PDB file of N, CA and C in Angstrom:
ATOM      1  N   UNK A   1     -14.988   1.127  26.618  1.00  0.00           N
ATOM      2  CA  UNK A   1     -15.525   1.413  27.709  1.00  0.00           C
ATOM      3  C   UNK A   1     -14.416   1.588  29.004  1.00  0.00           C
ATOM      4  N   UNK A   2     -13.648   0.778  29.387  1.00  0.00           N
ATOM      5  CA  UNK A   2     -12.734   0.809  30.297  1.00  0.00           C
ATOM      6  C   UNK A   2     -12.019   2.180  30.271  1.00  0.00           C
ATOM      7  N   UNK A   3     -11.782   2.633  29.159  1.00  0.00           N
ATOM      8  CA  UNK A   3     -11.320   4.108  29.203  1.00  0.00           C
ATOM      9  C   UNK A   3     -11.995   5.005  29.687  1.00  0.00           C
ATOM     10  N   UNK A   4     -13.452   4.987  29.472  1.00  0.00           N
ATOM     11  CA  UNK A   4     -14.432   6.096  29.804  1.00  0.00           C
ATOM     12  C   UNK A   4     -14.675   5.984  31.144  1.00  0.00           C
ATOM     13  N   UNK A   5     -14.644   5.007  31.767  1.00  0.00           N
ATOM     14  CA  UNK A   5     -14.766   4.662  33.125  1.00  0.00           C
ATOM     15  C   UNK A   5     -13.416   5.163  34.101  1.00  0.00           C
ATOM     16  N   UNK A   6     -12.377   5.120  33.322  1.00  0.00           N
ATOM     17  CA  UNK A   6     -11.036   5.527  33.820  1.00  0.00           C
ATOM     18  C   UNK A   6     -10.999   7.144  33.684  1.00  0.00           C
ATOM     19  N   UNK A   7     -11.644   7.567  32.817  1.00  0.00           N
ATOM     20  CA  UNK A   7     -11.451   9.148  32.696  1.00  0.00           C
ATOM     21  C   UNK A   7     -12.595   9.725  33.637  1.00  0.00           C
ATOM     22  N   UNK A   8     -13.509   8.728  33.848  1.00  0.00           N
ATOM     23  CA  UNK A   8     -14.685   9.470  34.776  1.00  0.00           C
ATOM     24  C   UNK A   8     -14.083   9.065  36.234  1.00  0.00           C
ATOM     25  N   UNK A   9     -13.303   8.124  36.805  1.00  0.00           N
ATOM     26  CA  UNK A   9     -12.868   8.021  37.871  1.00  0.00           C
ATOM     27  C   UNK A   9     -11.742   9.290  38.261  1.00  0.00           C
ATOM     28  N   UNK A  10     -11.203   9.493  37.358  1.00  0.00           N
ATOM     29  CA  UNK A  10     -10.103  11.085  37.552  1.00  0.00           C
ATOM     30  C   UNK A  10     -11.036  12.361  37.304  1.00  0.00           C
ATOM     31  N   UNK A  11     -12.348  12.078  37.325  1.00  0.00           N
ATOM     32  CA  UNK A  11     -13.210  13.629  37.363  1.00  0.00           C
ATOM     33  C   UNK A  11     -13.484  14.426  36.213  1.00  0.00           C
ATOM     34  N   UNK A  12     -12.996  13.381  34.947  1.00  0.00           N
ATOM     35  CA  UNK A  12     -13.385  13.954  33.438  1.00  0.00           C
ATOM     36  C   UNK A  12     -14.475  13.646  33.059  1.00  0.00           C
ATOM     37  N   UNK A  13     -15.259  14.726  32.633  1.00  0.00           N
ATOM     38  CA  UNK A  13     -16.067  13.843  31.648  1.00  0.00           C
ATOM     39  C   UNK A  13     -16.509  14.456  30.311  1.00  0.00           C
ATOM     40  N   UNK A  14     -17.225  13.571  29.613  1.00  0.00           N
ATOM     41  CA  UNK A  14     -17.663  14.320  27.994  1.00  0.00           C
ATOM     42  C   UNK A  14     -18.787  15.238  28.258  1.00  0.00           C
ATOM     43  N   UNK A  15     -18.822  16.341  27.674  1.00  0.00           N
ATOM     44  CA  UNK A  15     -19.526  17.661  27.256  1.00  0.00           C
ATOM     45  C   UNK A  15     -21.011  17.191  26.907  1.00  0.00           C
ATOM     46  N   UNK A  16     -21.914  17.641  27.338  1.00  0.00           N
ATOM     47  CA  UNK A  16     -23.407  17.167  26.876  1.00  0.00           C
ATOM     48  C   UNK A  16     -23.328  17.973  25.622  1.00  0.00           C
ATOM     49  N   UNK A  17     -24.639  17.399  24.684  1.00  0.00           N
ATOM     50  CA  UNK A  17     -24.561  17.932  23.398  1.00  0.00           C
ATOM     51  C   UNK A  17     -25.290  19.570  23.678  1.00  0.00           C
ATOM     52  N   UNK A  18     -26.018  19.980  24.658  1.00  0.00           N
ATOM     53  CA  UNK A  18     -26.156  21.188  24.894  1.00  0.00           C
ATOM     54  C   UNK A  18     -24.961  21.712  24.898  1.00  0.00           C
ATOM     55  N   UNK A  19     -23.745  21.681  25.512  1.00  0.00           N
ATOM     56  CA  UNK A  19     -22.864  22.419  25.711  1.00  0.00           C
ATOM     57  C   UNK A  19     -21.917  22.246  24.470  1.00  0.00           C
ATOM     58  N   UNK A  20     -21.719  21.205  23.899  1.00  0.00           N
ATOM     59  CA  UNK A  20     -21.149  21.396  22.367  1.00  0.00           C
ATOM     60  C   UNK A  20     -21.668  22.274  21.250  1.00  0.00           C
ATOM     61  N   UNK A  21     -23.466  22.253  21.141  1.00  0.00           N
ATOM     62  CA  UNK A  21     -23.977  23.351  20.544  1.00  0.00           C
ATOM     63  C   UNK A  21     -23.507  24.852  20.917  1.00  0.00           C
ATOM     64  N   UNK A  22     -23.939  25.054  21.873  1.00  0.00           N
ATOM     65  CA  UNK A  22     -23.354  26.165  22.778  1.00  0.00           C
ATOM     66  C   UNK A  22     -22.213  26.891  21.987  1.00  0.00           C
ATOM     67  N   UNK A  23     -21.239  26.051  22.165  1.00  0.00           N
ATOM     68  CA  UNK A  23     -19.685  26.292  22.452  1.00  0.00           C
ATOM     69  C   UNK A  23     -19.420  26.601  20.615  1.00  0.00           C
ATOM     70  N   UNK A  24     -20.116  25.594  19.703  1.00  0.00           N
ATOM     71  CA  UNK A  24     -20.241  25.851  18.466  1.00  0.00           C
ATOM     72  C   UNK A  24     -20.790  27.286  18.297  1.00  0.00           C
ATOM     73  N   UNK A  25     -21.704  27.280  18.494  1.00  0.00           N
ATOM     74  CA  UNK A  25     -22.760  28.859  18.258  1.00  0.00           C
ATOM     75  C   UNK A  25     -22.120  30.063  18.743  1.00  0.00           C
ATOM     76  N   UNK A  26     -21.594  30.074  19.693  1.00  0.00           N
ATOM     77  CA  UNK A  26     -20.535  31.413  20.134  1.00  0.00           C
ATOM     78  C   UNK A  26     -19.577  31.263  19.537  1.00  0.00           C
ATOM     79  N   UNK A  27     -18.855  30.430  19.610  1.00  0.00           N
ATOM     80  CA  UNK A  27     -17.376  30.435  18.681  1.00  0.00           C
ATOM     81  C   UNK A  27     -17.958  30.989  16.944  1.00  0.00           C
ATOM     82  N   UNK A  28     -18.675  30.442  16.600  1.00  0.00           N
ATOM     83  CA  UNK A  28     -19.084  31.177  15.280  1.00  0.00           C
ATOM     84  C   UNK A  28     -19.321  32.454  15.392  1.00  0.00           C
ATOM     85  N   UNK A  29     -20.211  33.113  16.122  1.00  0.00           N
ATOM     86  CA  UNK A  29     -20.513  34.497  16.312  1.00  0.00           C
ATOM     87  C   UNK A  29     -19.469  35.273  16.649  1.00  0.00           C
ATOM     88  N   UNK A  30     -18.668  34.788  17.304  1.00  0.00           N
ATOM     89  CA  UNK A  30     -17.359  35.348  17.979  1.00  0.00           C
ATOM     90  C   UNK A  30     -16.537  35.018  16.555  1.00  0.00           C
ATOM     91  N   UNK A  31     -16.511  34.376  15.923  1.00  0.00           N
ATOM     92  CA  UNK A  31     -15.846  34.525  14.684  1.00  0.00           C
ATOM     93  C   UNK A  31     -16.221  35.710  13.598  1.00  0.00           C
ATOM     94  N   UNK A  32     -17.344  35.772  13.460  1.00  0.00           N
ATOM     95  CA  UNK A  32     -17.664  36.711  12.582  1.00  0.00           C
ATOM     96  C   UNK A  32     -17.578  37.924  13.252  1.00  0.00           C
ATOM     97  N   UNK A  33     -17.955  38.013  14.468  1.00  0.00           N
ATOM     98  CA  UNK A  33     -17.612  39.514  15.108  1.00  0.00           C
ATOM     99  C   UNK A  33     -16.207  39.963  14.835  1.00  0.00           C
ATOM    100  N   UNK A  34     -15.302  38.606  15.009  1.00  0.00           N
ATOM    101  CA  UNK A  34     -13.604  39.469  14.818  1.00  0.00           C
ATOM    102  C   UNK A  34     -13.480  39.885  13.616  1.00  0.00           C
ATOM    103  N   UNK A  35     -14.146  38.933  12.506  1.00  0.00           N
ATOM    104  CA  UNK A  35     -13.729  39.343  11.158  1.00  0.00           C
ATOM    105  C   UNK A  35     -14.272  40.876  10.864  1.00  0.00           C
ATOM    106  N   UNK A  36     -15.604  41.292  11.447  1.00  0.00           N
ATOM    107  CA  UNK A  36     -16.037  42.563  11.167  1.00  0.00           C
ATOM    108  C   UNK A  36     -15.570  43.512  11.923  1.00  0.00           C
ATOM    109  N   UNK A  37     -14.870  43.531  12.979  1.00  0.00           N
ATOM    110  CA  UNK A  37     -14.315  44.238  13.780  1.00  0.00           C
ATOM    111  C   UNK A  37     -12.637  44.520  13.101  1.00  0.00           C
ATOM    112  N   UNK A  38     -12.466  43.583  12.516  1.00  0.00           N
ATOM    113  CA  UNK A  38     -11.127  43.430  11.917  1.00  0.00           C
ATOM    114  C   UNK A  38     -11.147  44.552  10.546  1.00  0.00           C
ATOM    115  N   UNK A  39     -12.102  44.308   9.863  1.00  0.00           N
ATOM    116  CA  UNK A  39     -12.259  44.955   8.642  1.00  0.00           C
ATOM    117  C   UNK A  39     -12.898  46.701   8.895  1.00  0.00           C
ATOM    118  N   UNK A  40     -13.290  46.705  10.154  1.00  0.00           N
ATOM    119  CA  UNK A  40     -13.718  48.294  10.160  1.00  0.00           C
ATOM    120  C   UNK A  40     -13.172  48.885  11.454  1.00  0.00           C
ATOM    121  N   UNK A  41     -11.986  48.201  11.728  1.00  0.00           N
ATOM    122  CA  UNK A  41     -11.091  48.449  12.478  1.00  0.00           C
ATOM    123  C   UNK A  41     -11.832  48.972  14.079  1.00  0.00           C
ATOM    124  N   UNK A  42     -12.884  48.286  14.201  1.00  0.00           N
ATOM    125  CA  UNK A  42     -13.608  48.169  16.045  1.00  0.00           C
ATOM    126  C   UNK A  42     -12.616  47.337  16.859  1.00  0.00           C
ATOM    127  N   UNK A  43     -11.861  48.052  17.538  1.00  0.00           N
ATOM    128  CA  UNK A  43     -11.130  47.241  18.493  1.00  0.00           C
ATOM    129  C   UNK A  43     -11.917  46.380  19.708  1.00  0.00           C
ATOM    130  N   UNK A  44     -13.075  47.065  19.872  1.00  0.00           N
ATOM    131  CA  UNK A  44     -13.783  46.313  20.971  1.00  0.00           C
ATOM    132  C   UNK A  44     -14.265  45.557  20.604  1.00  0.00           C
ATOM    133  N   UNK A  45     -15.083  45.328  18.849  1.00  0.00           N
ATOM    134  CA  UNK A  45     -15.653  44.236  18.517  1.00  0.00           C
ATOM    135  C   UNK A  45     -14.838  42.995  18.177  1.00  0.00           C
ATOM    136  N   UNK A  46     -13.722  43.543  17.874  1.00  0.00           N
ATOM    137  CA  UNK A  46     -12.407  42.452  17.854  1.00  0.00           C
ATOM    138  C   UNK A  46     -12.405  41.572  19.347  1.00  0.00           C
ATOM    139  N   UNK A  47     -12.303  42.363  20.075  1.00  0.00           N
ATOM    140  CA  UNK A  47     -11.962  41.803  21.389  1.00  0.00           C
ATOM    141  C   UNK A  47     -13.182  41.012  22.039  1.00  0.00           C
ATOM    142  N   UNK A  48     -14.481  41.457  21.866  1.00  0.00           N
ATOM    143  CA  UNK A  48     -15.382  40.567  22.193  1.00  0.00           C
ATOM    144  C   UNK A  48     -15.712  39.264  21.252  1.00  0.00           C
ATOM    145  N   UNK A  49     -15.641  39.492  20.020  1.00  0.00           N
ATOM    146  CA  UNK A  49     -15.134  38.225  19.000  1.00  0.00           C
ATOM    147  C   UNK A  49     -14.313  37.350  19.779  1.00  0.00           C
ATOM    148  N   UNK A  50     -13.002  37.462  19.856  1.00  0.00           N
ATOM    149  CA  UNK A  50     -12.127  36.606  20.705  1.00  0.00           C
ATOM    150  C   UNK A  50     -12.529  36.089  21.727  1.00  0.00           C
ATOM    151  N   UNK A  51     -13.299  36.899  22.738  1.00  0.00           N
ATOM    152  CA  UNK A  51     -14.054  36.730  24.027  1.00  0.00           C
ATOM    153  C   UNK A  51     -14.931  35.249  23.876  1.00  0.00           C
ATOM    154  N   UNK A  52     -16.051  35.596  22.597  1.00  0.00           N
ATOM    155  CA  UNK A  52     -16.689  34.643  22.185  1.00  0.00           C
ATOM    156  C   UNK A  52     -15.988  33.596  21.852  1.00  0.00           C
ATOM    157  N   UNK A  53     -15.062  33.622  21.186  1.00  0.00           N
ATOM    158  CA  UNK A  53     -14.227  32.120  20.497  1.00  0.00           C
ATOM    159  C   UNK A  53     -13.500  31.557  21.613  1.00  0.00           C
ATOM    160  N   UNK A  54     -12.950  32.215  22.530  1.00  0.00           N
ATOM    161  CA  UNK A  54     -12.268  31.416  23.500  1.00  0.00           C
ATOM    162  C   UNK A  54     -12.661  30.941  24.771  1.00  0.00           C
ATOM    163  N   UNK A  55     -13.892  31.781  25.722  1.00  0.00           N
ATOM    164  CA  UNK A  55     -14.534  31.302  26.506  1.00  0.00           C
ATOM    165  C   UNK A  55     -15.165  30.297  26.614  1.00  0.00           C
ATOM    166  N   UNK A  56     -15.407  29.603  26.002  1.00  0.00           N
ATOM    167  CA  UNK A  56     -16.046  27.991  26.141  1.00  0.00           C
ATOM    168  C   UNK A  56     -15.077  27.190  26.775  1.00  0.00           C
ATOM    169  N   UNK A  57     -13.566  27.132  26.680  1.00  0.00           N
ATOM    170  CA  UNK A  57     -12.527  26.693  26.887  1.00  0.00           C
ATOM    171  C   UNK A  57     -12.102  26.707  28.553  1.00  0.00           C
ATOM    172  N   UNK A  58     -12.557  27.959  28.870  1.00  0.00           N
ATOM    173  CA  UNK A  58     -12.674  27.918  30.118  1.00  0.00           C
ATOM    174  C   UNK A  58     -13.492  27.549  31.264  1.00  0.00           C
ATOM    175  N   UNK A  59     -14.964  27.300  30.829  1.00  0.00           N
ATOM    176  CA  UNK A  59     -15.991  27.433  31.536  1.00  0.00           C
ATOM    177  C   UNK A  59     -16.375  25.693  31.328  1.00  0.00           C
ATOM    178  N   UNK A  60     -16.961  25.246  32.317  1.00  0.00           N
ATOM    179  CA  UNK A  60     -16.998  23.492  32.029  1.00  0.00           C
ATOM    180  C   UNK A  60     -18.726  23.572  32.502  1.00  0.00           C
ATOM    181  N   UNK A  61     -19.517  24.381  33.105  1.00  0.00           N
ATOM    182  CA  UNK A  61     -20.925  24.260  33.124  1.00  0.00           C
ATOM    183  C   UNK A  61     -21.974  24.892  32.224  1.00  0.00           C
ATOM    184  N   UNK A  62     -22.705  24.181  31.637  1.00  0.00           N
ATOM    185  CA  UNK A  62     -23.596  24.786  30.628  1.00  0.00           C
ATOM    186  C   UNK A  62     -24.340  26.125  30.472  1.00  0.00           C
ATOM    187  N   UNK A  63     -25.128  26.188  31.893  1.00  0.00           N
ATOM    188  CA  UNK A  63     -25.575  27.313  32.364  1.00  0.00           C
ATOM    189  C   UNK A  63     -24.601  28.290  32.191  1.00  0.00           C
ATOM    190  N   UNK A  64     -23.242  28.184  32.866  1.00  0.00           N
ATOM    191  CA  UNK A  64     -22.588  29.251  32.875  1.00  0.00           C
ATOM    192  C   UNK A  64     -22.102  29.514  31.081  1.00  0.00           C
ATOM    193  N   UNK A  65     -21.975  28.572  30.320  1.00  0.00           N
ATOM    194  CA  UNK A  65     -21.672  29.139  29.003  1.00  0.00           C
ATOM    195  C   UNK A  65     -23.052  29.824  28.017  1.00  0.00           C
ATOM    196  N   UNK A  66     -24.313  29.490  28.686  1.00  0.00           N
ATOM    197  CA  UNK A  66     -25.088  30.185  27.529  1.00  0.00           C
ATOM    198  C   UNK A  66     -25.355  31.869  28.274  1.00  0.00           C
ATOM    199  N   UNK A  67     -24.711  31.702  29.832  1.00  0.00           N
ATOM    200  CA  UNK A  67     -24.886  33.135  30.506  1.00  0.00           C
ATOM    201  C   UNK A  67     -24.010  33.869  29.903  1.00  0.00           C
ATOM    202  N   UNK A  68     -22.619  33.332  29.564  1.00  0.00           N
ATOM    203  CA  UNK A  68     -21.674  34.238  29.296  1.00  0.00           C
ATOM    204  C   UNK A  68     -21.912  34.454  27.772  1.00  0.00           C
ATOM    205  N   UNK A  69     -22.058  33.790  27.249  1.00  0.00           N
ATOM    206  CA  UNK A  69     -22.433  33.645  25.616  1.00  0.00           C
ATOM    207  C   UNK A  69     -23.671  34.936  25.434  1.00  0.00           C
ATOM    208  N   UNK A  70     -24.384  34.697  26.211  1.00  0.00           N
ATOM    209  CA  UNK A  70     -25.789  35.747  26.082  1.00  0.00           C
ATOM    210  C   UNK A  70     -25.097  36.965  26.277  1.00  0.00           C
ATOM    211  N   UNK A  71     -24.534  37.467  27.272  1.00  0.00           N
ATOM    212  CA  UNK A  71     -24.072  38.409  27.804  1.00  0.00           C
ATOM    213  C   UNK A  71     -22.776  39.229  26.901  1.00  0.00           C
ATOM    214  N   UNK A  72     -21.797  38.471  26.239  1.00  0.00           N
ATOM    215  CA  UNK A  72     -21.099  38.653  25.267  1.00  0.00           C
ATOM    216  C   UNK A  72     -21.551  38.952  23.970  1.00  0.00           C
ATOM    217  N   UNK A  73     -22.823  38.493  23.683  1.00  0.00           N
ATOM    218  CA  UNK A  73     -23.679  38.472  22.280  1.00  0.00           C
ATOM    219  C   UNK A  73     -24.472  39.500  22.453  1.00  0.00           C
ATOM    220  N   UNK A  74     -24.559  40.090  23.459  1.00  0.00           N
ATOM    221  CA  UNK A  74     -25.393  41.656  23.835  1.00  0.00           C
ATOM    222  C   UNK A  74     -24.311  42.805  23.802  1.00  0.00           C
ATOM    223  N   UNK A  75     -23.251  42.528  23.855  1.00  0.00           N
ATOM    224  CA  UNK A  75     -21.940  43.228  23.650  1.00  0.00           C
ATOM    225  C   UNK A  75     -21.818  43.187  22.576  1.00  0.00           C
ATOM    226  N   UNK A  76     -21.745  42.360  21.425  1.00  0.00           N
ATOM    227  CA  UNK A  76     -21.465  42.401  20.148  1.00  0.00           C
ATOM    228  C   UNK A  76     -22.606  43.354  19.311  1.00  0.00           C
ATOM    229  N   UNK A  77     -23.971  42.718  19.472  1.00  0.00           N
ATOM    230  CA  UNK A  77     -24.724  43.281  19.096  1.00  0.00           C
ATOM    231  C   UNK A  77     -24.708  44.998  19.229  1.00  0.00           C
ATOM    232  N   UNK A  78     -24.302  45.365  20.677  1.00  0.00           N
ATOM    233  CA  UNK A  78     -24.197  46.808  20.675  1.00  0.00           C
ATOM    234  C   UNK A  78     -23.090  47.470  20.145  1.00  0.00           C
ATOM    235  N   UNK A  79     -22.158  47.126  20.139  1.00  0.00           N
ATOM    236  CA  UNK A  79     -21.131  47.442  19.427  1.00  0.00           C
ATOM    237  C   UNK A  79     -21.010  47.225  17.606  1.00  0.00           C
ATOM    238  N   UNK A  80     -22.184  46.640  17.171  1.00  0.00           N
ATOM    239  CA  UNK A  80     -21.951  46.550  15.949  1.00  0.00           C
ATOM    240  C   UNK A  80     -22.945  47.544  15.437  1.00  0.00           C
ATOM    241  N   UNK A  81     -23.922  48.252  16.389  1.00  0.00           N
ATOM    242  CA  UNK A  81     -24.546  49.374  16.047  1.00  0.00           C
ATOM    243  C   UNK A  81     -26.383  48.586  15.705  1.00  0.00           C
ATOM    244  N   UNK A  82     -26.316  47.603  17.066  1.00  0.00           N
ATOM    245  CA  UNK A  82     -27.600  47.328  17.182  1.00  0.00           C
ATOM    246  C   UNK A  82     -28.395  48.330  17.721  1.00  0.00           C
TER     247      UNK A  82
END
């Protein structure tokens, strides 16, 4: 418990369950998009897949995670032939 309070005093927090679920969900969708883009030689789909897999490391707020994730998923849907 001392370690947790020491980390919180440094400004570090554990992510919420909603954040973890979102990161896993968008990472999985990104992995599928990347694989499909690689097989079908669609460069934009591969980049969108990379973006979905890596952007959760750059954002810390849950609402930003979901906003960016939904926007990138819309791009994947558009590129995939939606």
